[in-house]
C-alpha atoms as a PDB file:
ATOM      1  CA  MET A   1     -34.364 -80.009  -0.856  1.00  0.00           C
ATOM      2  CA  ALA A   2     -32.873 -76.616  -1.598  1.00  0.00           C
ATOM      3  CA  ARG A   3     -32.129 -74.510   1.478  1.00  0.00           C
ATOM      4  CA  TYR A   4     -31.052 -71.137   0.117  1.00  0.00           C
ATOM      5  CA  GLU A   5     -33.101 -68.054  -0.646  1.00  0.00           C
ATOM      6  CA  ARG A   6     -33.852 -67.539  -4.350  1.00  0.00           C
ATOM      7  CA  LEU A   7     -34.618 -64.106  -5.799  1.00  0.00           C
ATOM      8  CA  ILE A   8     -36.451 -64.059  -9.135  1.00  0.00           C
ATOM      9  CA  ASN A   9     -38.293 -61.498 -11.218  1.00  0.00           C
ATOM     10  CA  ASP A  10     -42.070 -61.131 -10.994  1.00  0.00           C
ATOM     11  CA  ALA A  11     -43.798 -64.435 -11.837  1.00  0.00           C
ATOM     12  CA  ALA A  12     -47.326 -65.705 -11.246  1.00  0.00           C
ATOM     13  CA  SER A  13     -49.672 -68.585 -11.988  1.00  0.00           C
ATOM     14  CA  PRO A  14     -53.231 -69.368 -10.783  1.00  0.00           C
ATOM     15  CA  LEU A  15     -53.972 -72.163  -8.320  1.00  0.00           C
ATOM     16  CA  ASN A  16     -55.236 -75.280 -10.037  1.00  0.00           C
ATOM     17  CA  GLY A  17     -57.824 -76.303  -7.461  1.00  0.00           C
ATOM     18  CA  ALA A  18     -58.871 -74.893  -4.097  1.00  0.00           C
ATOM     19  CA  ILE A  19     -56.688 -75.574  -1.044  1.00  0.00           C
ATOM     20  CA  ASN A  20     -57.298 -75.574   2.714  1.00  0.00           C
ATOM     21  CA  ASP A  21     -55.090 -73.966   5.370  1.00  0.00           C
ATOM     22  CA  THR A  22     -52.944 -77.048   6.109  1.00  0.00           C
ATOM     23  CA  VAL A  23     -51.821 -78.636   2.842  1.00  0.00           C
ATOM     24  CA  THR A  24     -48.131 -78.270   1.999  1.00  0.00           C
ATOM     25  CA  SER A  25     -48.366 -79.423  -1.619  1.00  0.00           C
ATOM     26  CA  ILE A  26     -50.242 -77.161  -4.036  1.00  0.00           C
ATOM     27  CA  THR A  27     -50.805 -77.259  -7.790  1.00  0.00           C
ATOM     28  CA  VAL A  28     -50.688 -74.280 -10.165  1.00  0.00           C
ATOM     29  CA  ASP A  29     -51.597 -74.002 -13.831  1.00  0.00           C
ATOM     30  CA  ASP A  30     -48.025 -73.344 -14.991  1.00  0.00           C
ATOM     31  CA  GLY A  31     -45.232 -74.218 -12.570  1.00  0.00           C
ATOM     32  CA  SER A  32     -42.524 -73.482 -15.135  1.00  0.00           C
ATOM     33  CA  VAL A  33     -42.665 -69.767 -14.265  1.00  0.00           C
ATOM     34  CA  PHE A  34     -41.071 -70.661 -10.881  1.00  0.00           C
ATOM     35  CA  PRO A  35     -37.605 -72.183 -10.359  1.00  0.00           C
ATOM     36  CA  SER A  36     -37.291 -75.830  -9.346  1.00  0.00           C
ATOM     37  CA  GLU A  37     -34.599 -75.135  -6.722  1.00  0.00           C
ATOM     38  CA  GLY A  38     -34.238 -72.595  -3.960  1.00  0.00           C
ATOM     39  CA  ASP A  39     -36.571 -71.142  -1.334  1.00  0.00           C
ATOM     40  CA  VAL A  40     -38.970 -68.771  -3.130  1.00  0.00           C
ATOM     41  CA  ARG A  41     -41.464 -66.489  -1.316  1.00  0.00           C
ATOM     42  CA  LEU A  42     -44.938 -66.540  -2.872  1.00  0.00           C
ATOM     43  CA  GLN A  43     -48.116 -64.594  -2.065  1.00  0.00           C
ATOM     44  CA  ILE A  44     -51.596 -66.167  -2.194  1.00  0.00           C
ATOM     45  CA  ASP A  45     -54.248 -63.593  -1.229  1.00  0.00           C
ATOM     46  CA  THR A  46     -52.899 -62.302   2.125  1.00  0.00           C
ATOM     47  CA  GLU A  47     -50.822 -65.382   2.948  1.00  0.00           C
ATOM     48  CA  THR A  48     -47.092 -65.695   2.264  1.00  0.00           C
ATOM     49  CA  VAL A  49     -45.733 -69.185   1.630  1.00  0.00           C
ATOM     50  CA  ILE A  50     -42.178 -70.392   0.982  1.00  0.00           C
ATOM     51  CA  MET A  51     -41.815 -72.739  -1.967  1.00  0.00           C
ATOM     52  CA  THR A  52     -38.978 -75.176  -1.164  1.00  0.00           C
ATOM     53  CA  HIS A  53     -39.309 -77.458  -4.197  1.00  0.00           C
ATOM     54  CA  ARG A  54     -41.174 -77.721  -7.491  1.00  0.00           C
ATOM     55  CA  THR A  55     -41.936 -80.777  -9.624  1.00  0.00           C
ATOM     56  CA  THR A  56     -43.666 -79.714 -12.869  1.00  0.00           C
ATOM     57  CA  ASN A  57     -46.777 -77.871 -11.632  1.00  0.00           C
ATOM     58  CA  THR A  58     -46.694 -79.106  -8.034  1.00  0.00           C
ATOM     59  CA  LEU A  59     -45.134 -76.832  -5.407  1.00  0.00           C
ATOM     60  CA  THR A  60     -43.972 -77.920  -1.946  1.00  0.00           C
ATOM     61  CA  VAL A  61     -44.581 -74.996   0.402  1.00  0.00           C
ATOM     62  CA  VAL A  62     -44.182 -73.840   3.999  1.00  0.00           C
ATOM     63  CA  ARG A  63     -47.441 -72.182   5.042  1.00  0.00           C
ATOM     64  CA  GLY A  64     -48.000 -68.911   6.906  1.00  0.00           C
ATOM     65  CA  ALA A  65     -44.516 -67.450   6.420  1.00  0.00           C
ATOM     66  CA  ASP A  66     -43.302 -63.976   7.426  1.00  0.00           C
ATOM     67  CA  GLY A  67     -45.975 -63.529  10.091  1.00  0.00           C
ATOM     68  CA  SER A  68     -48.898 -64.206   7.741  1.00  0.00           C
ATOM     69  CA  THR A  69     -51.727 -66.612   8.603  1.00  0.00           C
ATOM     70  CA  ALA A  70     -52.308 -69.852   6.735  1.00  0.00           C
ATOM     71  CA  ALA A  71     -55.737 -69.739   5.106  1.00  0.00           C
ATOM     72  CA  SER A  72     -57.940 -71.516   2.600  1.00  0.00           C
ATOM     73  CA  HIS A  73     -57.709 -70.282  -0.999  1.00  0.00           C
ATOM     74  CA  SER A  74     -60.074 -70.756  -3.902  1.00  0.00           C
ATOM     75  CA  ASP A  75     -59.415 -72.254  -7.315  1.00  0.00           C
ATOM     76  CA  ASN A  76     -57.674 -69.766  -9.646  1.00  0.00           C
ATOM     77  CA  ALA A  77     -56.351 -67.608  -6.794  1.00  0.00           C
ATOM     78  CA  GLU A  78     -53.163 -65.953  -8.011  1.00  0.00           C
ATOM     79  CA  VAL A  79     -49.848 -67.346  -6.744  1.00  0.00           C
ATOM     80  CA  ARG A  80     -47.212 -64.635  -7.234  1.00  0.00           C
ATOM     81  CA  THR A  81     -43.612 -64.050  -6.176  1.00  0.00           C
ATOM     82  CA  VAL A  82     -43.221 -61.507  -3.409  1.00  0.00           C
ATOM     83  CA  ALA A  83     -40.389 -59.644  -1.649  1.00  0.00           C
ATOM     84  CA  SER A  84     -40.461 -59.425   2.135  1.00  0.00           C
ATOM     85  CA  ALA A  85     -38.384 -58.376   5.133  1.00  0.00           C
ATOM     86  CA  GLY A  86     -38.003 -62.037   6.089  1.00  0.00           C
ATOM     87  CA  GLN A  87     -36.663 -62.806   2.654  1.00  0.00           C
ATOM     88  CA  TRP A  88     -33.972 -60.141   2.879  1.00  0.00           C
ATOM     89  CA  ASP A  89     -33.021 -61.218   6.390  1.00  0.00           C
ATOM     90  CA  LYS A  90     -32.459 -64.737   5.053  1.00  0.00           C
ATOM     91  CA  VAL A  91     -30.472 -63.467   2.062  1.00  0.00           C
ATOM     92  CA  LEU A  92     -28.186 -61.508   4.372  1.00  0.00           C
ATOM     93  CA  ASP A  93     -27.791 -64.521   6.652  1.00  0.00           C
ATOM     94  CA  ASP A  94     -26.786 -66.629   3.643  1.00  0.00           C
ATOM     95  CA  LEU A  95     -24.316 -64.044   2.396  1.00  0.00           C
ATOM     96  CA  TRP A  96     -22.759 -62.973   5.697  1.00  0.00           C
ATOM     97  CA  ALA A  97     -22.479 -65.734   8.264  1.00  0.00           C
ATOM     98  CA  GLY A  98     -20.891 -63.483  10.892  1.00  0.00           C
ATOM     99  CA  ALA A  99     -19.024 -60.219  10.740  1.00  0.00           C
ATOM    100  CA  SER A 100     -17.085 -59.757   7.495  1.00  0.00           C
ATOM    101  CA  VAL A 101     -17.134 -63.459   6.566  1.00  0.00           C
ATOM    102  CA  ARG A 102     -17.988 -64.351   3.002  1.00  0.00           C
ATOM    103  CA  PRO A 103     -20.494 -67.067   2.056  1.00  0.00           C
ATOM    104  CA  PRO A 104     -21.355 -69.873   2.076  1.00  0.00           C
ATOM    105  CA  HIS A 105     -20.693 -70.901   5.722  1.00  0.00           C
ATOM    106  CA  ILE A 106     -23.917 -72.906   5.705  1.00  0.00           C
ATOM    107  CA  VAL A 107     -23.905 -76.112   7.737  1.00  0.00           C
ATOM    108  CA  GLN A 108     -27.387 -77.607   7.640  1.00  0.00           C
ATOM    109  CA  ASN A 109     -29.241 -80.896   7.816  1.00  0.00           C
ATOM    110  CA  GLU A 110     -31.599 -81.960   5.058  1.00  0.00           C
ATOM    111  CA  ASP A 111     -34.572 -80.272   6.794  1.00  0.00           C
ATOM    112  CA  GLY A 112     -32.753 -76.931   6.781  1.00  0.00           C
ATOM    113  CA  SER A 113     -31.935 -76.959  10.505  1.00  0.00           C
ATOM    114  CA  ASP A 114     -28.459 -75.819  11.536  1.00  0.00           C
ATOM    115  CA  LEU A 115     -25.866 -78.474  12.337  1.00  0.00           C
ATOM    116  CA  VAL A 116     -23.248 -78.122  15.058  1.00  0.00           C
ATOM    117  CA  ALA A 117     -20.284 -80.316  15.928  1.00  0.00           C
ATOM    118  CA  ALA A 118     -22.228 -82.117  18.663  1.00  0.00           C
ATOM    119  CA  ASP A 119     -24.708 -83.423  16.048  1.00  0.00           C
ATOM    120  CA  PHE A 120     -22.015 -85.639  14.481  1.00  0.00           C
ATOM    121  CA  SER A 121     -21.034 -89.131  15.657  1.00  0.00           C
ATOM    122  CA  TRP A 122     -17.683 -90.827  15.117  1.00  0.00           C
ATOM    123  CA  VAL A 123     -16.232 -93.983  13.613  1.00  0.00           C
ATOM    124  CA  ASN A 124     -12.581 -94.702  14.473  1.00  0.00           C
ATOM    125  CA  GLN A 125     -12.267 -91.275  16.087  1.00  0.00           C
ATOM    126  CA  GLY A 126      -8.983 -91.789  17.912  1.00  0.00           C
ATOM    127  CA  THR A 127      -7.998 -88.343  19.140  1.00  0.00           C
ATOM    128  CA  ALA A 128      -9.594 -86.517  16.205  1.00  0.00           C
ATOM    129  CA  SER A 129     -12.141 -83.825  17.072  1.00  0.00           C
ATOM    130  CA  LEU A 130     -14.804 -81.655  15.482  1.00  0.00           C
ATOM    131  CA  SER A 131     -15.486 -78.107  16.667  1.00  0.00           C
ATOM    132  CA  ASP A 132     -17.744 -75.188  15.799  1.00  0.00           C
ATOM    133  CA  THR A 133     -16.184 -71.943  14.579  1.00  0.00           C
ATOM    134  CA  ALA A 134     -17.256 -68.519  15.764  1.00  0.00           C
ATOM    135  CA  TYR A 135     -17.944 -67.347  12.201  1.00  0.00           C
ATOM    136  CA  GLY A 136     -19.811 -70.344  10.813  1.00  0.00           C
ATOM    137  CA  GLY A 137     -18.756 -73.777   9.638  1.00  0.00           C
ATOM    138  CA  LEU A 138     -16.909 -76.612  11.353  1.00  0.00           C
ATOM    139  CA  THR A 139     -13.274 -77.503  11.885  1.00  0.00           C
ATOM    140  CA  MET A 140     -12.129 -81.135  11.876  1.00  0.00           C
ATOM    141  CA  ASN A 141      -8.849 -81.601  13.736  1.00  0.00           C
ATOM    142  CA  ILE A 142      -6.840 -84.667  12.681  1.00  0.00           C
ATOM    143  CA  PRO A 143      -3.973 -86.123  14.725  1.00  0.00           C
ATOM    144  CA  ALA A 144      -0.725 -87.152  13.098  1.00  0.00           C
ATOM    145  CA  ASP A 145      -0.774 -90.920  12.550  1.00  0.00           C
ATOM    146  CA  SER A 146       0.385 -93.530  10.124  1.00  0.00           C
ATOM    147  CA  GLY A 147      -1.055 -96.353   8.072  1.00  0.00           C
ATOM    148  CA  THR A 148      -4.663 -96.507   6.928  1.00  0.00           C
ATOM    149  CA  ASP A 149      -6.567 -94.953   9.855  1.00  0.00           C
ATOM    150  CA  GLN A 150      -9.526 -92.940   8.534  1.00  0.00           C
ATOM    151  CA  ARG A 151     -11.368 -90.658  10.981  1.00  0.00           C
ATOM    152  CA  LEU A 152     -15.088 -90.393  10.176  1.00  0.00           C
ATOM    153  CA  ALA A 153     -17.627 -87.941  11.635  1.00  0.00           C
ATOM    154  CA  TYR A 154     -21.176 -88.498  10.392  1.00  0.00           C
ATOM    155  CA  ILE A 155     -24.882 -87.759  10.611  1.00  0.00           C
ATOM    156  CA  SER A 156     -27.730 -89.875   9.244  1.00  0.00           C
ATOM    157  CA  ALA A 157     -28.190 -89.541   5.491  1.00  0.00           C
ATOM    158  CA  PRO A 158     -31.631 -88.523   4.190  1.00  0.00           C
ATOM    159  CA  THR A 159     -33.906 -91.046   2.539  1.00  0.00           C
ATOM    160  CA  ALA A 160     -32.984 -91.187  -1.157  1.00  0.00           C
ATOM    161  CA  PRO A 161     -33.211 -89.350  -3.461  1.00  0.00           C
ATOM    162  CA  TRP A 162     -30.988 -86.568  -2.146  1.00  0.00           C
ATOM    163  CA  VAL A 163     -28.220 -84.214  -3.278  1.00  0.00           C
ATOM    164  CA  PHE A 164     -25.450 -83.112  -0.906  1.00  0.00           C
ATOM    165  CA  ILE A 165     -23.182 -80.117  -1.551  1.00  0.00           C
ATOM    166  CA  GLY A 166     -20.134 -79.310   0.547  1.00  0.00           C
ATOM    167  CA  HIS A 167     -17.127 -77.008   0.520  1.00  0.00           C
ATOM    168  CA  PHE A 168     -13.937 -77.341   2.538  1.00  0.00           C
ATOM    169  CA  MET A 169     -10.374 -76.083   2.769  1.00  0.00           C
ATOM    170  CA  PHE A 170      -7.210 -77.329   4.473  1.00  0.00           C
ATOM    171  CA  GLY A 171      -5.847 -75.304   7.345  1.00  0.00           C
ATOM    172  CA  LEU A 172      -2.390 -74.683   8.801  1.00  0.00           C
ATOM    173  CA  GLY A 173      -0.289 -77.765   9.395  1.00  0.00           C
ATOM    174  CA  TYR A 174      -1.452 -79.518   6.244  1.00  0.00           C
ATOM    175  CA  ASP A 175       1.192 -81.996   5.100  1.00  0.00           C
ATOM    176  CA  THR A 176       1.240 -81.925   1.295  1.00  0.00           C
ATOM    177  CA  THR A 177       2.747 -85.415   1.112  1.00  0.00           C
ATOM    178  CA  SER A 178       0.343 -87.501   3.197  1.00  0.00           C
ATOM    179  CA  ASP A 179      -2.766 -85.758   4.580  1.00  0.00           C
ATOM    180  CA  TRP A 180      -6.234 -86.271   3.126  1.00  0.00           C
ATOM    181  CA  GLY A 181      -9.668 -84.905   3.958  1.00  0.00           C
ATOM    182  CA  SER A 182     -13.164 -84.102   2.730  1.00  0.00           C
ATOM    183  CA  PHE A 183     -16.579 -85.832   2.624  1.00  0.00           C
ATOM    184  CA  MET A 184     -17.792 -89.415   2.740  1.00  0.00           C
ATOM    185  CA  ILE A 185     -20.926 -91.578   2.535  1.00  0.00           C
ATOM    186  CA  ARG A 186     -21.164 -94.810   4.534  1.00  0.00           C
ATOM    187  CA  GLU A 187     -23.314 -97.931   4.812  1.00  0.00           C
ATOM    188  CA  SER A 188     -23.376 -98.645   8.545  1.00  0.00           C
ATOM    189  CA  ALA A 189     -24.443-102.303   8.298  1.00  0.00           C
ATOM    190  CA  SER A 190     -21.405-103.272   6.214  1.00  0.00           C
ATOM    191  CA  SER A 191     -18.984-100.562   7.488  1.00  0.00           C
ATOM    192  CA  LYS A 192     -18.185 -99.753   3.837  1.00  0.00           C
ATOM    193  CA  PHE A 193     -17.828 -96.155   2.693  1.00  0.00           C
ATOM    194  CA  TYR A 194     -16.887 -93.985  -0.268  1.00  0.00           C
ATOM    195  CA  SER A 195     -14.728 -90.947   0.250  1.00  0.00           C
ATOM    196  CA  CYS A 196     -14.720 -87.944  -2.068  1.00  0.00           C
ATOM    197  CA  ARG A 197     -11.606 -86.132  -0.947  1.00  0.00           C
ATOM    198  CA  PHE A 198      -8.618 -84.002  -1.744  1.00  0.00           C
ATOM    199  CA  GLY A 199      -4.962 -84.564  -0.931  1.00  0.00           C
ATOM    200  CA  PRO A 200      -1.588 -85.643  -2.281  1.00  0.00           C
ATOM    201  CA  PHE A 201      -1.289 -88.690  -4.498  1.00  0.00           C
ATOM    202  CA  GLY A 202       2.015 -89.555  -6.104  1.00  0.00           C
ATOM    203  CA  GLY A 203       3.335 -86.139  -5.097  1.00  0.00           C
ATOM    204  CA  THR A 204       0.476 -84.233  -6.791  1.00  0.00           C
ATOM    205  CA  ASN A 205      -2.570 -82.740  -5.068  1.00  0.00           C
ATOM    206  CA  SER A 206      -5.579 -84.513  -6.491  1.00  0.00           C
ATOM    207  CA  LEU A 207      -9.295 -85.169  -6.196  1.00  0.00           C
ATOM    208  CA  LEU A 208      -9.761 -88.878  -5.555  1.00  0.00           C
ATOM    209  CA  ILE A 209     -12.839 -91.061  -5.117  1.00  0.00           C
ATOM    210  CA  GLN A 210     -12.091 -94.118  -2.980  1.00  0.00           C
ATOM    211  CA  ALA A 211     -14.037 -97.129  -1.710  1.00  0.00           C
ATOM    212  CA  PHE A 212     -13.144 -98.502   1.740  1.00  0.00           C
ATOM    213  CA  THR A 213     -14.359-101.720   3.352  1.00  0.00           C
ATOM    214  CA  SER A 214     -13.485-100.342   6.802  1.00  0.00           C
ATOM    215  CA  PRO A 215     -11.785 -97.260   8.328  1.00  0.00           C
ATOM    216  CA  THR A 216      -8.588 -99.236   8.906  1.00  0.00           C
ATOM    217  CA  SER A 217      -8.319-100.999   5.555  1.00  0.00           C
ATOM    218  CA  GLY A 218      -6.798-100.046   2.233  1.00  0.00           C
ATOM    219  CA  ALA A 219      -8.949 -98.563  -0.501  1.00  0.00           C
ATOM    220  CA  THR A 220      -9.927 -99.091  -4.118  1.00  0.00           C
ATOM    221  CA  ASN A 221      -9.119 -95.877  -5.990  1.00  0.00           C
ATOM    222  CA  TYR A 222     -11.336 -94.294  -8.633  1.00  0.00           C
ATOM    223  CA  SER A 223     -11.215 -91.146 -10.734  1.00  0.00           C
ATOM    224  CA  LEU A 224      -7.946 -89.455  -9.831  1.00  0.00           C
ATOM    225  CA  LEU A 225      -7.912 -85.817 -10.998  1.00  0.00           C
ATOM    226  CA  PRO A 226      -4.896 -83.523 -10.424  1.00  0.00           C
ATOM    227  CA  MET A 227      -5.909 -80.288  -8.694  1.00  0.00           C
ATOM    228  CA  SER A 228      -4.005 -77.072  -8.043  1.00  0.00           C
ATOM    229  CA  GLU A 229      -6.230 -75.714  -5.255  1.00  0.00           C
ATOM    230  CA  ASN A 230      -7.167 -76.959  -1.788  1.00  0.00           C
ATOM    231  CA  ARG A 231     -10.552 -75.203  -1.709  1.00  0.00           C
ATOM    232  CA  ILE A 232     -13.074 -77.268  -3.624  1.00  0.00           C
ATOM    233  CA  TRP A 233     -16.836 -77.769  -3.868  1.00  0.00           C
ATOM    234  CA  TYR A 234     -18.116 -81.339  -3.891  1.00  0.00           C
ATOM    235  CA  LYS A 235     -21.511 -82.745  -4.821  1.00  0.00           C
ATOM    236  CA  ILE A 236     -22.682 -86.252  -3.923  1.00  0.00           C
ATOM    237  CA  GLU A 237     -25.989 -87.489  -5.322  1.00  0.00           C
ATOM    238  CA  ASP A 238     -28.043 -90.565  -4.409  1.00  0.00           C
ATOM    239  CA  ASP A 239     -31.016 -90.874  -6.777  1.00  0.00           C
ATOM    240  CA  ASN A 240     -31.915 -94.305  -5.357  1.00  0.00           C
ATOM    241  CA  THR A 241     -30.332 -95.943  -8.422  1.00  0.00           C
ATOM    242  CA  ASP A 242     -26.848 -94.458  -8.782  1.00  0.00           C
ATOM    243  CA  LEU A 243     -24.309 -92.693  -6.574  1.00  0.00           C
ATOM    244  CA  THR A 244     -22.687 -89.781  -8.428  1.00  0.00           C
ATOM    245  CA  PHE A 245     -19.728 -87.638  -7.382  1.00  0.00           C
ATOM    246  CA  SER A 246     -18.982 -84.207  -8.889  1.00  0.00           C
ATOM    247  CA  HIS A 247     -16.721 -81.239  -8.167  1.00  0.00           C
ATOM    248  CA  SER A 248     -16.808 -77.519  -8.879  1.00  0.00           C
ATOM    249  CA  TRP A 249     -14.595 -74.452  -8.446  1.00  0.00           C
ATOM    250  CA  ASP A 250     -17.539 -72.103  -7.831  1.00  0.00           C
ATOM    251  CA  GLY A 251     -20.424 -74.236  -6.512  1.00  0.00           C
ATOM    252  CA  VAL A 252     -22.451 -73.482  -9.653  1.00  0.00           C
ATOM    253  CA  ASN A 253     -20.785 -75.241 -12.593  1.00  0.00           C
ATOM    254  CA  TRP A 254     -20.282 -78.953 -11.934  1.00  0.00           C
ATOM    255  CA  HIS A 255     -18.110 -81.669 -13.451  1.00  0.00           C
ATOM    256  CA  GLU A 256     -19.103 -85.281 -12.841  1.00  0.00           C
ATOM    257  CA  VAL A 257     -16.030 -87.322 -11.936  1.00  0.00           C
ATOM    258  CA  PHE A 258     -17.414 -90.731 -10.944  1.00  0.00           C
ATOM    259  CA  SER A 259     -20.631 -92.759 -10.734  1.00  0.00           C
ATOM    260  CA  HIS A 260     -21.500 -96.229  -9.438  1.00  0.00           C
ATOM    261  CA  ALA A 261     -24.769 -98.137  -9.358  1.00  0.00           C
ATOM    262  CA  ARG A 262     -26.035 -98.044  -5.765  1.00  0.00           C
ATOM    263  CA  GLY A 263     -25.465-101.790  -5.294  1.00  0.00           C
ATOM    264  CA  THR A 264     -22.024-102.016  -6.920  1.00  0.00           C
ATOM    265  CA  PHE A 265     -20.162-101.584  -3.632  1.00  0.00           C
ATOM    266  CA  PHE A 266     -22.913-101.175  -1.033  1.00  0.00           C
ATOM    267  CA  THR A 267     -25.545-103.775  -0.233  1.00  0.00           C
ATOM    268  CA  THR A 268     -28.529-101.474   0.274  1.00  0.00           C
ATOM    269  CA  GLY A 269     -27.078 -97.962   0.046  1.00  0.00           C
ATOM    270  CA  PRO A 270     -25.588 -95.214   2.222  1.00  0.00           C
ATOM    271  CA  ASP A 271     -27.372 -94.322   5.455  1.00  0.00           C
ATOM    272  CA  GLN A 272     -24.663 -92.015   6.835  1.00  0.00           C
ATOM    273  CA  ILE A 273     -22.915 -88.962   5.403  1.00  0.00           C
ATOM    274  CA  GLY A 274     -20.184 -86.811   6.848  1.00  0.00           C
ATOM    275  CA  LEU A 275     -16.513 -85.906   7.014  1.00  0.00           C
ATOM    276  CA  ILE A 276     -13.315 -87.913   6.606  1.00  0.00           C
ATOM    277  CA  GLY A 277      -9.711 -87.161   7.496  1.00  0.00           C
ATOM    278  CA  ASN A 278      -6.438 -89.064   7.446  1.00  0.00           C
ATOM    279  CA  GLY A 279      -3.376 -87.604   9.147  1.00  0.00           C
ATOM    280  CA  GLY A 280      -0.709 -89.642   7.480  1.00  0.00           C
ATOM    281  CA  GLY A 281       1.765 -86.789   7.730  1.00  0.00           C
ATOM    282  CA  GLY A 282       4.066 -85.972  10.581  1.00  0.00           C
ATOM    283  CA  SER A 283       2.011 -83.246  12.269  1.00  0.00           C
ATOM    284  CA  ASP A 284      -1.506 -82.542  13.483  1.00  0.00           C
ATOM    285  CA  TRP A 285      -3.645 -80.677  10.969  1.00  0.00           C
ATOM    286  CA  HIS A 286      -7.214 -79.584  10.325  1.00  0.00           C
ATOM    287  CA  ILE A 287      -9.770 -78.963   7.613  1.00  0.00           C
ATOM    288  CA  HIS A 288     -12.412 -76.240   7.682  1.00  0.00           C
ATOM    289  CA  ILE A 289     -15.890 -77.166   6.429  1.00  0.00           C
ATOM    290  CA  SER A 290     -17.604 -73.967   5.301  1.00  0.00           C
ATOM    291  CA  SER A 291     -20.613 -75.600   3.646  1.00  0.00           C
ATOM    292  CA  PHE A 292     -22.477 -78.823   4.391  1.00  0.00           C
ATOM    293  CA  HIS A 293     -26.054 -78.889   3.128  1.00  0.00           C
ATOM    294  CA  PHE A 294     -28.614 -80.753   1.033  1.00  0.00           C
ATOM    295  CA  GLU A 295     -30.626 -79.713  -1.997  1.00  0.00           C
END
């Protein structure tokens, strides 16, 4: 489910069948004129709706948006893109999450609601902590430790299929020889989890996919990619058949780095998703999560 405002040029298609004032799935003659991702404002007669997803000619919509009233509409009523004050307010919110802070700084659950630190639960927390920032995003503080201790902060994963996109960066105190951090998906019944994270490996900063049987055990390593930056976009996809991990430098162009069948490591599949950190270095450190959302 995409949760960002999408601006497109004028596009329209007639309703394919009358609708009442409560349905949230509508059909048009030609859905291809609308994007398949992003929140798009549409006008039907005097009602504004927000299209949150499109599959072929079927649109999933939020009714009665921008102060309009949900109403019944007849077959062949025109469904057309529209600009509104609410749309621009949302665009500005997406672009500027606080004074002079650049995007994305979007931390949201799969229903589009904002997430705060208190919404996350912990596995093997130790003295690690998660805090909200004044300008958007979260900060995960990791204590210095040794061995294989992984600190996990999680929320419930959506019902598959889903796509998660996240962006993070290391903060001050990062030890370039031992510290790791980023995102993870976990199967609570088995305690197993995959991590998709960034950190040093063999003296080189790298993107590494790992499979853990517990937060205090060693890992099976997959898909090691040397990286020169510590600010990276990640995408994790669960299509109910495969689990796919990708990375990007800009959040737009993606490179798939690893994929496993859903049952290769897990028994049923991930039911938790969140953050992971390991403070193997000699000092406390933190990572800043500027984006955590689902599409």
